Structure formats: structure tokens, C-alpha cells
Amino acid sequence: AAESIAKIAEVLSTPQIEEFYIPLLKQLSQGKWFTSRTSSAALYPPVYSKVLWSIQEDLQKGFATLGADDTPMVRRAAAKWLGVCDIYPVSVPIETLAF
């Protein structure tokens, strides 16, 4: 499912990403079950470069939260997608991330 959503994100315009995709991404990233948080890690890279800097900062914070999650599977997913695009949050010290 995450792969299909990422493919759709490639063709969305910036306003569509801001209106539909970002709220979905936030909801999955803050989900109660670790599976939704794990899947959300793959959804950050496709849109990161398409949004405004202010939204990129929010994405950085959300991604950093995944990297510091209590569940090892979520941290592993965040680590996997960390190198795909430059989404590492500059304002978050690397020591706070629990990879």
C-alpha cells in the first residue's frame, strides 16, 4: 500500500500534496499501531522536495519522531528511508535518534 501511495505522490501537485497527502502522512506517522508508523517512513521521501520549507521542517520533525520510536521495527524503517532523500532534521541532534 505504501508503495502505491508513493507512486501517486509523484504525480500530485504541491497544493494536492499539502491538502491530502501531508494529513495522511501525519495520521499514519502518529498511528497507534506500529505498522502504520512503519509504513509512513516510506511516504516521506516522495514529497519532501515538492513542498515548501515550512512543511519540510514539519516533515523533518515527523521523521525524527519515527527514528526515535519505541518500536525497533519503526526505527528500522526510518533508517532504511533516511538515505533516500535529504530529510535528516538538522535541528535534531543525532544522539537523540535511537537507530
C-alpha atoms as a PDB file:
ATOM      1  CA  ALA A   1       0.000   0.000   0.000  1.00  0.00           C
ATOM      2  CA  ALA A   2       2.796   2.431   0.885  1.00  0.00           C
ATOM      3  CA  GLU A   3       4.487   1.798  -2.453  1.00  0.00           C
ATOM      4  CA  SER A   4       1.267   2.609  -4.324  1.00  0.00           C
ATOM      5  CA  ILE A   5       0.733   5.794  -2.326  1.00  0.00           C
ATOM      6  CA  ALA A   6       4.324   6.849  -3.029  1.00  0.00           C
ATOM      7  CA  LYS A   7       3.734   6.366  -6.769  1.00  0.00           C
ATOM      8  CA  ILE A   8       0.617   8.506  -6.604  1.00  0.00           C
ATOM      9  CA  ALA A   9       2.563  11.198  -4.746  1.00  0.00           C
ATOM     10  CA  GLU A  10       4.905  11.562  -7.714  1.00  0.00           C
ATOM     11  CA  VAL A  11       2.097  12.963  -9.858  1.00  0.00           C
ATOM     12  CA  LEU A  12       0.407  15.166  -7.261  1.00  0.00           C
ATOM     13  CA  SER A  13       0.782  18.923  -7.423  1.00  0.00           C
ATOM     14  CA  THR A  14       2.121  20.849  -4.437  1.00  0.00           C
ATOM     15  CA  PRO A  15      -1.356  22.064  -3.368  1.00  0.00           C
ATOM     16  CA  GLN A  16      -2.680  18.494  -3.588  1.00  0.00           C
ATOM     17  CA  ILE A  17       0.226  17.226  -1.510  1.00  0.00           C
ATOM     18  CA  GLU A  18      -0.420  19.864   1.124  1.00  0.00           C
ATOM     19  CA  GLU A  19      -4.169  19.283   1.223  1.00  0.00           C
ATOM     20  CA  PHE A  20      -4.377  15.484   1.016  1.00  0.00           C
ATOM     21  CA  TYR A  21      -1.014  13.741   1.307  1.00  0.00           C
ATOM     22  CA  ILE A  22       0.520  15.561   4.289  1.00  0.00           C
ATOM     23  CA  PRO A  23      -2.529  14.978   6.558  1.00  0.00           C
ATOM     24  CA  LEU A  24      -2.465  11.279   5.597  1.00  0.00           C
ATOM     25  CA  LEU A  25       1.260  11.123   6.324  1.00  0.00           C
ATOM     26  CA  LYS A  26       0.810  12.757   9.717  1.00  0.00           C
ATOM     27  CA  GLN A  27      -2.047  10.434  10.621  1.00  0.00           C
ATOM     28  CA  LEU A  28      -0.024   7.342   9.714  1.00  0.00           C
ATOM     29  CA  SER A  29       3.095   8.638  11.470  1.00  0.00           C
ATOM     30  CA  GLN A  30       1.173   9.154  14.699  1.00  0.00           C
ATOM     31  CA  GLY A  31      -0.824   5.948  14.470  1.00  0.00           C
ATOM     32  CA  LYS A  32      -1.462   3.752  17.480  1.00  0.00           C
ATOM     33  CA  TRP A  33      -0.190   0.607  15.749  1.00  0.00           C
ATOM     34  CA  PHE A  34       3.465   0.291  14.807  1.00  0.00           C
ATOM     35  CA  THR A  35       2.516  -0.976  11.356  1.00  0.00           C
ATOM     36  CA  SER A  36       1.107   2.392  10.317  1.00  0.00           C
ATOM     37  CA  ARG A  37       4.179   4.197  11.647  1.00  0.00           C
ATOM     38  CA  THR A  38       6.458   1.731   9.851  1.00  0.00           C
ATOM     39  CA  SER A  39       4.652   2.265   6.552  1.00  0.00           C
ATOM     40  CA  SER A  40       4.715   6.024   6.937  1.00  0.00           C
ATOM     41  CA  ALA A  41       8.530   6.110   6.798  1.00  0.00           C
ATOM     42  CA  ALA A  42       8.394   5.210   3.089  1.00  0.00           C
ATOM     43  CA  LEU A  43       5.998   8.071   2.380  1.00  0.00           C
ATOM     44  CA  TYR A  44       8.296  10.948   3.370  1.00  0.00           C
ATOM     45  CA  PRO A  45      10.846  10.861   0.506  1.00  0.00           C
ATOM     46  CA  PRO A  46       8.448  11.140  -2.475  1.00  0.00           C
ATOM     47  CA  VAL A  47       7.102  14.525  -1.382  1.00  0.00           C
ATOM     48  CA  TYR A  48       9.869  16.101   0.649  1.00  0.00           C
ATOM     49  CA  SER A  49      11.413  18.073  -2.207  1.00  0.00           C
ATOM     50  CA  LYS A  50       7.999  19.142  -3.552  1.00  0.00           C
ATOM     51  CA  VAL A  51       6.826  21.114  -0.531  1.00  0.00           C
ATOM     52  CA  LEU A  52       7.690  24.483   0.969  1.00  0.00           C
ATOM     53  CA  TRP A  53      10.460  24.823   3.541  1.00  0.00           C
ATOM     54  CA  SER A  54       7.972  25.319   6.374  1.00  0.00           C
ATOM     55  CA  ILE A  55       6.337  21.999   5.565  1.00  0.00           C
ATOM     56  CA  GLN A  56       9.755  20.370   5.130  1.00  0.00           C
ATOM     57  CA  GLU A  57      10.516  21.342   8.728  1.00  0.00           C
ATOM     58  CA  ASP A  58       7.321  19.601   9.867  1.00  0.00           C
ATOM     59  CA  LEU A  59       8.285  16.540   7.835  1.00  0.00           C
ATOM     60  CA  GLN A  60      11.739  16.547   9.418  1.00  0.00           C
ATOM     61  CA  LYS A  61      10.201  16.564  12.884  1.00  0.00           C
ATOM     62  CA  GLY A  62       7.791  13.773  11.995  1.00  0.00           C
ATOM     63  CA  PHE A  63      10.564  11.663  10.521  1.00  0.00           C
ATOM     64  CA  ALA A  64      12.772  12.267  13.556  1.00  0.00           C
ATOM     65  CA  THR A  65       9.927  11.028  15.738  1.00  0.00           C
ATOM     66  CA  LEU A  66       9.889   7.796  13.747  1.00  0.00           C
ATOM     67  CA  GLY A  67      13.640   7.462  14.215  1.00  0.00           C
ATOM     68  CA  ALA A  68      13.208   7.776  17.966  1.00  0.00           C
ATOM     69  CA  ASP A  69      10.160   5.489  18.209  1.00  0.00           C
ATOM     70  CA  ASP A  70       9.976   2.888  20.988  1.00  0.00           C
ATOM     71  CA  THR A  71       9.395   0.107  18.472  1.00  0.00           C
ATOM     72  CA  PRO A  72      12.508  -1.287  16.742  1.00  0.00           C
ATOM     73  CA  MET A  73      10.593  -2.019  13.531  1.00  0.00           C
ATOM     74  CA  VAL A  74       9.654   1.640  13.179  1.00  0.00           C
ATOM     75  CA  ARG A  75      13.227   2.794  13.802  1.00  0.00           C
ATOM     76  CA  ARG A  76      14.495   0.276  11.242  1.00  0.00           C
ATOM     77  CA  ALA A  77      12.030   1.553   8.638  1.00  0.00           C
ATOM     78  CA  ALA A  78      13.097   5.143   9.306  1.00  0.00           C
ATOM     79  CA  ALA A  79      16.757   4.159   8.964  1.00  0.00           C
ATOM     80  CA  LYS A  80      16.019   2.430   5.666  1.00  0.00           C
ATOM     81  CA  TRP A  81      14.476   5.563   4.164  1.00  0.00           C
ATOM     82  CA  LEU A  82      16.874   8.059   5.745  1.00  0.00           C
ATOM     83  CA  GLY A  83      19.313   7.951   2.841  1.00  0.00           C
ATOM     84  CA  VAL A  84      16.732   8.137   0.049  1.00  0.00           C
ATOM     85  CA  CYS A  85      16.478  11.900   0.245  1.00  0.00           C
ATOM     86  CA  ASP A  86      17.878  14.645   2.393  1.00  0.00           C
ATOM     87  CA  ILE A  87      15.253  14.568   5.109  1.00  0.00           C
ATOM     88  CA  TYR A  88      17.533  14.346   8.111  1.00  0.00           C
ATOM     89  CA  PRO A  89      16.376  17.012  10.557  1.00  0.00           C
ATOM     90  CA  VAL A  90      19.227  19.423  11.144  1.00  0.00           C
ATOM     91  CA  SER A  91      17.715  20.712  14.373  1.00  0.00           C
ATOM     92  CA  VAL A  92      17.593  17.259  15.986  1.00  0.00           C
ATOM     93  CA  PRO A  93      20.928  16.016  17.378  1.00  0.00           C
ATOM     94  CA  ILE A  94      21.849  12.561  16.099  1.00  0.00           C
ATOM     95  CA  GLU A  95      22.311  11.368  19.692  1.00  0.00           C
ATOM     96  CA  THR A  96      18.538  11.686  20.225  1.00  0.00           C
ATOM     97  CA  LEU A  97      17.749   9.261  17.414  1.00  0.00           C
ATOM     98  CA  ALA A  98      17.692   5.656  18.580  1.00  0.00           C
ATOM     99  CA  PHE A  99      18.802   3.790  15.475  1.00  0.00           C
END
